[in-house]
C-alpha atoms as a PDB file:
ATOM      1  CA  MET A   1     -11.354  27.156   2.213  1.00  0.00           C
ATOM      2  CA  ARG A   2      -8.116  28.251   4.213  1.00  0.00           C
ATOM      3  CA  LEU A   3      -5.866  24.893   4.955  1.00  0.00           C
ATOM      4  CA  PRO A   4      -3.948  24.385   8.069  1.00  0.00           C
ATOM      5  CA  ASP A   5       0.156  25.048   7.157  1.00  0.00           C
ATOM      6  CA  ARG A   6       1.018  21.926   5.656  1.00  0.00           C
ATOM      7  CA  LYS A   7       5.013  21.510   7.339  1.00  0.00           C
ATOM      8  CA  LYS A   8       3.145  22.528  10.510  1.00  0.00           C
ATOM      9  CA  TYR A   9       0.973  19.936   9.848  1.00  0.00           C
ATOM     10  CA  VAL A  10       2.914  17.115   8.801  1.00  0.00           C
ATOM     11  CA  LEU A  11       5.232  17.793  11.812  1.00  0.00           C
ATOM     12  CA  THR A  12       2.414  18.033  14.318  1.00  0.00           C
ATOM     13  CA  LEU A  13       1.771  13.960  13.074  1.00  0.00           C
ATOM     14  CA  ALA A  14       5.589  13.305  12.729  1.00  0.00           C
ATOM     15  CA  ALA A  15       5.869  14.123  16.437  1.00  0.00           C
ATOM     16  CA  LEU A  16       2.643  12.442  17.150  1.00  0.00           C
ATOM     17  CA  LEU A  17       3.762   9.044  15.990  1.00  0.00           C
ATOM     18  CA  GLY A  18       7.058   9.323  17.540  1.00  0.00           C
ATOM     19  CA  ALA A  19       5.568  10.061  21.011  1.00  0.00           C
ATOM     20  CA  VAL A  20       3.739   6.232  20.001  1.00  0.00           C
ATOM     21  CA  PHE A  21       6.747   4.513  18.733  1.00  0.00           C
ATOM     22  CA  VAL A  22       8.504   5.695  22.035  1.00  0.00           C
ATOM     23  CA  TRP A  23       5.235   4.480  24.111  1.00  0.00           C
ATOM     24  CA  SER A  24       5.729   0.972  22.140  1.00  0.00           C
ATOM     25  CA  GLY A  25       9.121   0.321  22.343  1.00  0.00           C
ATOM     26  CA  VAL A  26       8.942   0.760  26.678  1.00  0.00           C
ATOM     27  CA  ALA A  27       8.900  -3.206  28.145  1.00  0.00           C
ATOM     28  CA  PRO A  28       6.848  -4.468  24.835  1.00  0.00           C
ATOM     29  CA  ARG A  29       5.856  -7.901  25.083  1.00  0.00           C
ATOM     30  CA  ASP A  30       7.864  -9.433  23.396  1.00  0.00           C
ATOM     31  CA  ARG A  31      10.678  -7.638  22.224  1.00  0.00           C
ATOM     32  CA  GLY A  32      11.731  -9.362  20.269  1.00  0.00           C
ATOM     33  CA  VAL A  33       8.194  -9.186  17.931  1.00  0.00           C
ATOM     34  CA  TRP A  34       8.788  -5.906  18.405  1.00  0.00           C
ATOM     35  CA  LEU A  35      11.665  -5.102  16.524  1.00  0.00           C
ATOM     36  CA  LEU A  36      10.651  -7.540  13.365  1.00  0.00           C
ATOM     37  CA  GLU A  37       7.083  -5.519  13.254  1.00  0.00           C
ATOM     38  CA  ASN A  38       7.997  -2.295  12.954  1.00  0.00           C
ATOM     39  CA  ALA A  39      11.624  -2.808  10.522  1.00  0.00           C
ATOM     40  CA  LEU A  40       9.469  -1.744   7.732  1.00  0.00           C
ATOM     41  CA  THR A  41       7.725   0.711   9.579  1.00  0.00           C
ATOM     42  CA  VAL A  42      10.802   2.268  10.097  1.00  0.00           C
ATOM     43  CA  VAL A  43      11.762   1.651   6.729  1.00  0.00           C
ATOM     44  CA  GLY A  44       8.401   3.252   5.505  1.00  0.00           C
ATOM     45  CA  VAL A  45       9.005   6.125   7.219  1.00  0.00           C
ATOM     46  CA  GLY A  46      12.180   6.416   5.919  1.00  0.00           C
ATOM     47  CA  ILE A  47      11.419   6.425   2.480  1.00  0.00           C
ATOM     48  CA  LEU A  48       8.621   9.426   3.484  1.00  0.00           C
ATOM     49  CA  VAL A  49      11.409  11.857   4.622  1.00  0.00           C
ATOM     50  CA  ALA A  50      13.938  11.228   1.963  1.00  0.00           C
ATOM     51  CA  THR A  51      11.093  12.024  -0.635  1.00  0.00           C
ATOM     52  CA  ALA A  52       9.455  14.821   1.719  1.00  0.00           C
ATOM     53  CA  LYS A  53      11.158  17.418  -0.781  1.00  0.00           C
ATOM     54  CA  LYS A  54      10.845  16.060  -4.098  1.00  0.00           C
ATOM     55  CA  LEU A  55       6.973  14.063  -3.585  1.00  0.00           C
ATOM     56  CA  PRO A  56       5.416  15.970  -0.666  1.00  0.00           C
ATOM     57  CA  LEU A  57       2.017  14.020  -0.015  1.00  0.00           C
ATOM     58  CA  SER A  58      -1.645  15.445   0.499  1.00  0.00           C
ATOM     59  CA  ARG A  59      -2.677  16.349   4.458  1.00  0.00           C
ATOM     60  CA  VAL A  60      -5.013  13.775   3.464  1.00  0.00           C
ATOM     61  CA  SER A  61      -2.344  11.363   2.645  1.00  0.00           C
ATOM     62  CA  TYR A  62      -0.142  12.189   5.865  1.00  0.00           C
ATOM     63  CA  THR A  63      -2.931  11.919   7.329  1.00  0.00           C
ATOM     64  CA  LEU A  64      -4.031   8.261   6.417  1.00  0.00           C
ATOM     65  CA  ILE A  65      -0.506   6.681   6.650  1.00  0.00           C
ATOM     66  CA  PHE A  66      -0.013   8.125  10.056  1.00  0.00           C
ATOM     67  CA  LEU A  67      -3.554   6.303  10.765  1.00  0.00           C
ATOM     68  CA  PHE A  68      -2.413   3.268   9.865  1.00  0.00           C
ATOM     69  CA  THR A  69       0.929   3.818  10.901  1.00  0.00           C
ATOM     70  CA  VAL A  70      -0.204   4.014  14.492  1.00  0.00           C
ATOM     71  CA  LEU A  71      -2.872   1.141  14.527  1.00  0.00           C
ATOM     72  CA  HIS A  72       0.736  -1.155  13.608  1.00  0.00           C
ATOM     73  CA  VAL A  73       2.661   0.466  16.341  1.00  0.00           C
ATOM     74  CA  VAL A  74       0.327  -0.647  18.630  1.00  0.00           C
ATOM     75  CA  GLY A  75       0.263  -3.943  17.391  1.00  0.00           C
ATOM     76  CA  SER A  76       3.556  -4.204  17.631  1.00  0.00           C
ATOM     77  CA  HIS A  77       3.633  -3.504  21.538  1.00  0.00           C
ATOM     78  CA  TYR A  78       1.042  -5.918  22.499  1.00  0.00           C
ATOM     79  CA  ARG A  79       1.968  -8.369  19.494  1.00  0.00           C
ATOM     80  CA  TYR A  80      -1.243  -8.533  17.302  1.00  0.00           C
ATOM     81  CA  ALA A  81      -2.457 -11.519  19.199  1.00  0.00           C
ATOM     82  CA  ASP A  82      -2.911 -10.001  22.722  1.00  0.00           C
ATOM     83  CA  VAL A  83      -3.950  -6.187  22.084  1.00  0.00           C
ATOM     84  CA  PRO A  84      -6.700  -5.545  23.756  1.00  0.00           C
ATOM     85  CA  THR A  85      -9.809  -5.562  21.763  1.00  0.00           C
ATOM     86  CA  PRO A  86     -13.570  -4.772  22.583  1.00  0.00           C
ATOM     87  CA  THR A  87     -15.853  -7.662  21.916  1.00  0.00           C
ATOM     88  CA  TRP A  88     -17.867  -6.187  18.785  1.00  0.00           C
ATOM     89  CA  LEU A  89     -14.584  -6.274  17.081  1.00  0.00           C
ATOM     90  CA  ASP A  90     -13.967  -9.867  17.610  1.00  0.00           C
ATOM     91  CA  LEU A  91     -17.767 -10.397  16.641  1.00  0.00           C
ATOM     92  CA  VAL A  92     -17.910  -8.452  13.359  1.00  0.00           C
ATOM     93  CA  LEU A  93     -14.242  -9.942  12.184  1.00  0.00           C
ATOM     94  CA  GLY A  94     -14.956 -13.452  13.468  1.00  0.00           C
ATOM     95  CA  GLY A  95     -18.053 -13.544  11.842  1.00  0.00           C
ATOM     96  CA  GLY A  96     -20.600 -13.177  14.102  1.00  0.00           C
ATOM     97  CA  GLU A  97     -19.056 -15.638  16.837  1.00  0.00           C
ATOM     98  CA  GLN A  98     -16.674 -14.723  19.396  1.00  0.00           C
ATOM     99  CA  GLY A  99     -13.848 -17.233  20.083  1.00  0.00           C
ATOM    100  CA  GLU A 100     -10.019 -17.061  20.766  1.00  0.00           C
ATOM    101  CA  ARG A 101      -8.647 -16.016  18.385  1.00  0.00           C
ATOM    102  CA  ASN A 102      -7.563 -11.946  18.707  1.00  0.00           C
ATOM    103  CA  HIS A 103      -8.806 -10.033  15.361  1.00  0.00           C
ATOM    104  CA  TYR A 104      -6.974  -7.115  15.635  1.00  0.00           C
ATOM    105  CA  ASP A 105      -4.875  -8.234  12.809  1.00  0.00           C
ATOM    106  CA  ARG A 106      -7.396  -8.824  11.154  1.00  0.00           C
ATOM    107  CA  LEU A 107      -8.811  -5.074  11.912  1.00  0.00           C
ATOM    108  CA  VAL A 108      -4.869  -3.774  10.467  1.00  0.00           C
ATOM    109  CA  HIS A 109      -4.787  -5.725   7.404  1.00  0.00           C
ATOM    110  CA  PHE A 110      -8.203  -4.290   6.515  1.00  0.00           C
ATOM    111  CA  CYS A 111      -7.236  -0.527   6.678  1.00  0.00           C
ATOM    112  CA  TYR A 112      -4.225  -1.226   5.245  1.00  0.00           C
ATOM    113  CA  GLY A 113      -6.543  -1.021   1.570  1.00  0.00           C
ATOM    114  CA  LEU A 114      -8.663   1.380   3.396  1.00  0.00           C
ATOM    115  CA  LEU A 115      -6.112   4.011   4.877  1.00  0.00           C
ATOM    116  CA  LEU A 116      -3.013   3.146   2.241  1.00  0.00           C
ATOM    117  CA  ALA A 117      -4.887   3.066  -1.038  1.00  0.00           C
ATOM    118  CA  TYR A 118      -5.641   6.501  -1.382  1.00  0.00           C
ATOM    119  CA  PRO A 119      -1.338   8.119  -0.926  1.00  0.00           C
ATOM    120  CA  MET A 120      -0.775   4.967  -3.332  1.00  0.00           C
ATOM    121  CA  ARG A 121      -3.750   6.193  -5.745  1.00  0.00           C
ATOM    122  CA  GLU A 122      -1.778   9.887  -4.936  1.00  0.00           C
ATOM    123  CA  VAL A 123       1.856   8.646  -5.936  1.00  0.00           C
ATOM    124  CA  VAL A 124       0.747   6.497  -8.829  1.00  0.00           C
ATOM    125  CA  LEU A 125      -1.654   9.949 -10.625  1.00  0.00           C
ATOM    126  CA  ARG A 126       2.008  12.152  -9.940  1.00  0.00           C
ATOM    127  CA  ILE A 127       4.243   9.536 -11.230  1.00  0.00           C
ATOM    128  CA  GLY A 128       2.994   7.686 -13.474  1.00  0.00           C
ATOM    129  CA  ASP A 129      -0.120  10.385 -14.828  1.00  0.00           C
ATOM    130  CA  PHE A 130      -2.493   7.781 -15.272  1.00  0.00           C
ATOM    131  CA  LYS A 131      -5.938   8.971 -15.603  1.00  0.00           C
ATOM    132  CA  GLY A 132      -9.499   7.469 -15.510  1.00  0.00           C
ATOM    133  CA  PHE A 133      -9.973   3.919 -14.525  1.00  0.00           C
ATOM    134  CA  TRP A 134      -6.450   3.865 -14.549  1.00  0.00           C
ATOM    135  CA  GLY A 135      -5.753   5.668 -11.661  1.00  0.00           C
ATOM    136  CA  TYR A 136      -8.125   3.560  -9.728  1.00  0.00           C
ATOM    137  CA  PHE A 137      -7.574  -0.121 -10.232  1.00  0.00           C
ATOM    138  CA  LEU A 138      -3.993   0.194 -10.197  1.00  0.00           C
ATOM    139  CA  PRO A 139      -3.927   1.457  -6.089  1.00  0.00           C
ATOM    140  CA  LEU A 140      -6.571  -1.286  -5.884  1.00  0.00           C
ATOM    141  CA  ASP A 141      -3.688  -3.937  -7.543  1.00  0.00           C
ATOM    142  CA  VAL A 142      -0.640  -2.050  -5.674  1.00  0.00           C
ATOM    143  CA  THR A 143      -2.776  -2.927  -2.212  1.00  0.00           C
ATOM    144  CA  MET A 144      -3.399  -6.547  -3.056  1.00  0.00           C
ATOM    145  CA  SER A 145      -0.025  -7.161  -4.731  1.00  0.00           C
ATOM    146  CA  THR A 146       2.137  -5.510  -1.606  1.00  0.00           C
ATOM    147  CA  SER A 147      -0.450  -7.057   0.612  1.00  0.00           C
ATOM    148  CA  MET A 148       0.824 -10.500  -0.765  1.00  0.00           C
ATOM    149  CA  LEU A 149       4.444  -9.279  -0.653  1.00  0.00           C
ATOM    150  CA  TYR A 150       3.988  -8.894   3.080  1.00  0.00           C
ATOM    151  CA  GLU A 151       2.292 -12.341   3.459  1.00  0.00           C
ATOM    152  CA  LEU A 152       5.191 -13.347   1.715  1.00  0.00           C
ATOM    153  CA  ILE A 153       8.162 -11.640   4.217  1.00  0.00           C
ATOM    154  CA  GLU A 154       6.034 -12.992   6.957  1.00  0.00           C
ATOM    155  CA  TRP A 155       6.720 -16.668   5.760  1.00  0.00           C
ATOM    156  CA  ALA A 156      10.363 -16.060   4.849  1.00  0.00           C
ATOM    157  CA  ALA A 157      11.285 -14.720   8.711  1.00  0.00           C
ATOM    158  CA  ALA A 158       9.406 -17.954  10.284  1.00  0.00           C
ATOM    159  CA  VAL A 159      11.337 -19.973   7.679  1.00  0.00           C
ATOM    160  CA  VAL A 160      14.283 -17.968   8.063  1.00  0.00           C
ATOM    161  CA  PHE A 161      14.389 -17.416  11.907  1.00  0.00           C
ATOM    162  CA  ALA A 162      12.071 -20.587  12.801  1.00  0.00           C
ATOM    163  CA  ASP A 163      11.875 -19.122  16.481  1.00  0.00           C
ATOM    164  CA  GLU A 164       9.121 -18.145  18.609  1.00  0.00           C
ATOM    165  CA  ALA A 165       9.319 -14.296  17.533  1.00  0.00           C
ATOM    166  CA  ALA A 166       9.235 -15.161  14.040  1.00  0.00           C
ATOM    167  CA  MET A 167       5.563 -17.347  15.011  1.00  0.00           C
ATOM    168  CA  GLU A 168       4.865 -14.992  16.472  1.00  0.00           C
ATOM    169  CA  PHE A 169       5.597 -12.606  13.472  1.00  0.00           C
ATOM    170  CA  LEU A 170       3.680 -14.630  11.168  1.00  0.00           C
ATOM    171  CA  GLY A 171       0.199 -14.517  13.391  1.00  0.00           C
ATOM    172  CA  THR A 172      -1.523 -17.503  12.067  1.00  0.00           C
ATOM    173  CA  GLN A 173      -2.903 -18.100  15.843  1.00  0.00           C
ATOM    174  CA  GLY A 174      -4.064 -21.639  14.506  1.00  0.00           C
ATOM    175  CA  ASP A 175      -6.000 -20.135  11.258  1.00  0.00           C
ATOM    176  CA  GLU A 176      -4.244 -22.076   7.936  1.00  0.00           C
ATOM    177  CA  TRP A 177      -6.266 -19.422   6.023  1.00  0.00           C
ATOM    178  CA  ASP A 178      -5.467 -16.732   7.757  1.00  0.00           C
ATOM    179  CA  ALA A 179      -2.941 -14.768   4.635  1.00  0.00           C
ATOM    180  CA  HIS A 180      -5.886 -15.211   2.393  1.00  0.00           C
ATOM    181  CA  LYS A 181      -7.894 -14.106   4.916  1.00  0.00           C
ATOM    182  CA  ASP A 182      -5.720 -10.699   5.558  1.00  0.00           C
ATOM    183  CA  MET A 183      -5.239 -10.422   1.312  1.00  0.00           C
ATOM    184  CA  LEU A 184      -8.696 -10.417   1.409  1.00  0.00           C
ATOM    185  CA  LEU A 185      -9.511  -7.824   3.839  1.00  0.00           C
ATOM    186  CA  ALA A 186      -6.900  -5.775   2.613  1.00  0.00           C
ATOM    187  CA  SER A 187      -8.185  -6.004  -1.262  1.00  0.00           C
ATOM    188  CA  VAL A 188     -11.851  -5.060   0.177  1.00  0.00           C
ATOM    189  CA  GLY A 189     -10.343  -1.805   2.076  1.00  0.00           C
ATOM    190  CA  ALA A 190      -8.974  -0.808  -1.300  1.00  0.00           C
ATOM    191  CA  LEU A 191     -12.052  -1.284  -3.110  1.00  0.00           C
ATOM    192  CA  ILE A 192     -14.054   0.727  -0.729  1.00  0.00           C
ATOM    193  CA  ALA A 193     -11.120   3.687  -0.670  1.00  0.00           C
ATOM    194  CA  MET A 194     -11.571   3.637  -4.209  1.00  0.00           C
ATOM    195  CA  LEU A 195     -15.113   3.718  -4.790  1.00  0.00           C
ATOM    196  CA  VAL A 196     -15.452   6.262  -2.540  1.00  0.00           C
ATOM    197  CA  THR A 197     -12.654   8.341  -4.272  1.00  0.00           C
ATOM    198  CA  ALA A 198     -14.656   7.719  -7.534  1.00  0.00           C
ATOM    199  CA  ALA A 199     -18.060   8.826  -5.912  1.00  0.00           C
ATOM    200  CA  ILE A 200     -16.059  12.067  -4.560  1.00  0.00           C
ATOM    201  CA  ASN A 201     -14.508  13.125  -7.733  1.00  0.00           C
ATOM    202  CA  ARG A 202     -17.268  11.831 -10.447  1.00  0.00           C
ATOM    203  CA  ARG A 203     -19.293  14.506  -7.891  1.00  0.00           C
ATOM    204  CA  LEU A 204     -16.854  17.455  -7.614  1.00  0.00           C
ATOM    205  CA  GLN A 205     -14.860  16.871 -11.291  1.00  0.00           C
ATOM    206  CA  ARG A 206     -16.426  18.152 -14.030  1.00  0.00           C
ATOM    207  CA  ASP A 207     -14.744  16.093 -16.934  1.00  0.00           C
ATOM    208  CA  PHE A 208     -15.380  12.663 -14.997  1.00  0.00           C
ATOM    209  CA  ASN A 209     -16.910  10.472 -17.353  1.00  0.00           C
ATOM    210  CA  ARG A 210     -14.912  11.850 -20.623  1.00  0.00           C
ATOM    211  CA  GLU A 211     -11.531  11.141 -18.750  1.00  0.00           C
ATOM    212  CA  TRP A 212     -12.710   7.884 -17.580  1.00  0.00           C
ATOM    213  CA  ASN A 213     -13.808   6.710 -20.901  1.00  0.00           C
ATOM    214  CA  GLU A 214     -10.715   8.087 -22.802  1.00  0.00           C
ATOM    215  CA  SER A 215      -8.597   5.873 -20.394  1.00  0.00           C
ATOM    216  CA  LEU A 216     -10.256   2.995 -21.859  1.00  0.00           C
ATOM    217  CA  ARG A 217     -10.425   3.754 -24.805  1.00  0.00           C
ATOM    218  CA  VAL A 218      -7.383   1.775 -27.338  1.00  0.00           C
ATOM    219  CA  LYS A 219      -4.944   4.101 -28.105  1.00  0.00           C
ATOM    220  CA  GLU A 220      -2.780   1.423 -30.046  1.00  0.00           C
ATOM    221  CA  PRO A 221      -4.890  -0.429 -32.793  1.00  0.00           C
ATOM    222  CA  ARG A 222      -2.224  -2.448 -34.117  1.00  0.00           C
ATOM    223  CA  PRO A 223      -0.793  -6.232 -32.189  1.00  0.00           C
ATOM    224  CA  LEU A 224       2.010  -5.992 -30.029  1.00  0.00           C
ATOM    225  CA  GLY A 225       3.841  -9.611 -28.675  1.00  0.00           C
ATOM    226  CA  GLU A 226       5.263 -10.376 -32.007  1.00  0.00           C
ATOM    227  CA  GLU A 227       4.548  -7.922 -34.580  1.00  0.00           C
ATOM    228  CA  GLU A 228       6.215  -5.396 -31.597  1.00  0.00           C
ATOM    229  CA  ALA A 229       9.280  -7.835 -31.296  1.00  0.00           C
ATOM    230  CA  ALA A 230       9.680  -8.519 -35.240  1.00  0.00           C
ATOM    231  CA  ARG A 231       9.158  -4.021 -36.094  1.00  0.00           C
ATOM    232  CA  LEU A 232      11.594  -3.117 -33.216  1.00  0.00           C
ATOM    233  CA  ILE A 233      14.501  -6.012 -35.067  1.00  0.00           C
ATOM    234  CA  ARG A 234      13.419  -4.638 -38.568  1.00  0.00           C
ATOM    235  CA  GLN A 235      14.497  -1.038 -37.131  1.00  0.00           C
ATOM    236  CA  GLN A 236      17.824  -2.349 -35.435  1.00  0.00           C
ATOM    237  CA  GLU A 237      18.439  -3.558 -38.459  1.00  0.00           C
ATOM    238  CA  ARG A 238      18.063  -0.332 -40.410  1.00  0.00           C
ATOM    239  CA  ASP A 239      19.661   1.496 -37.834  1.00  0.00           C
ATOM    240  CA  ALA A 240      22.940  -0.881 -37.925  1.00  0.00           C
ATOM    241  CA  ALA A 241      23.301  -0.158 -42.190  1.00  0.00           C
ATOM    242  CA  ALA A 242      22.650   3.502 -41.919  1.00  0.00           C
ATOM    243  CA  ALA A 243      25.564   3.611 -39.426  1.00  0.00           C
ATOM    244  CA  GLU A 244      27.734   1.230 -41.766  1.00  0.00           C
ATOM    245  CA  HIS A 245      27.049   3.135 -44.776  1.00  0.00           C
ATOM    246  CA  PRO A 246      26.313   6.916 -44.277  1.00  0.00           C
ATOM    247  CA  ALA A 247      24.554   8.772 -46.791  1.00  0.00           C
ATOM    248  CA  ALA A 248      26.746  10.776 -48.469  1.00  0.00           C
ATOM    249  CA  PRO A 249      26.828  14.263 -47.923  1.00  0.00           C
ATOM    250  CA  THR A 250      25.493  16.682 -50.227  1.00  0.00           C
END
């Protein structure tokens, strides 16, 4: 199978994202909200650019990141609470009932897990060299923890700035369980992404079962905790004694 030129493909995605970003910055619904929403977008894109040479991602990962970022940038233009959404989306995410709440933010939180768990998995595997079960669990764990971190950032911004833009950035829309639902949707999206990835790998990877079982095998039978601390202390004492009384040359 012949793949498209990687550099041209990534540059095309970057150009398309740049166009969407410029569009979003032209007369947004609320300039303050737009700035708050896109602060992390700029940081994230900057990290991707800075690591492009040492850690270039796959076309799949860049495509998924592109799709999520476009969804987020569109939300920043209209304000999440005012994004034009189809009726079916409100019905699905509203539990079958169409109310006054705009559920576009729910969609984006779900897509955070669905679209970004795989790029997180790629980074985890290539840096940490995790195998089997841990190569699927850790991206899910990272997705859940960063989703929680984002909710804390929203809360901190609302407390620090305490203005209308900050409250719009918080985006609860009157739902006291908003943060919990957002984190749940991100987690469900990531779980789906990892289950699909595992299913594909199980079909294509010959040693999938062996690697999975090996990843769950106990590698260190000895307890850690206080036993390990005591062992390290004894090792330090031996090293200190050896330094004070070096062995005589032969």
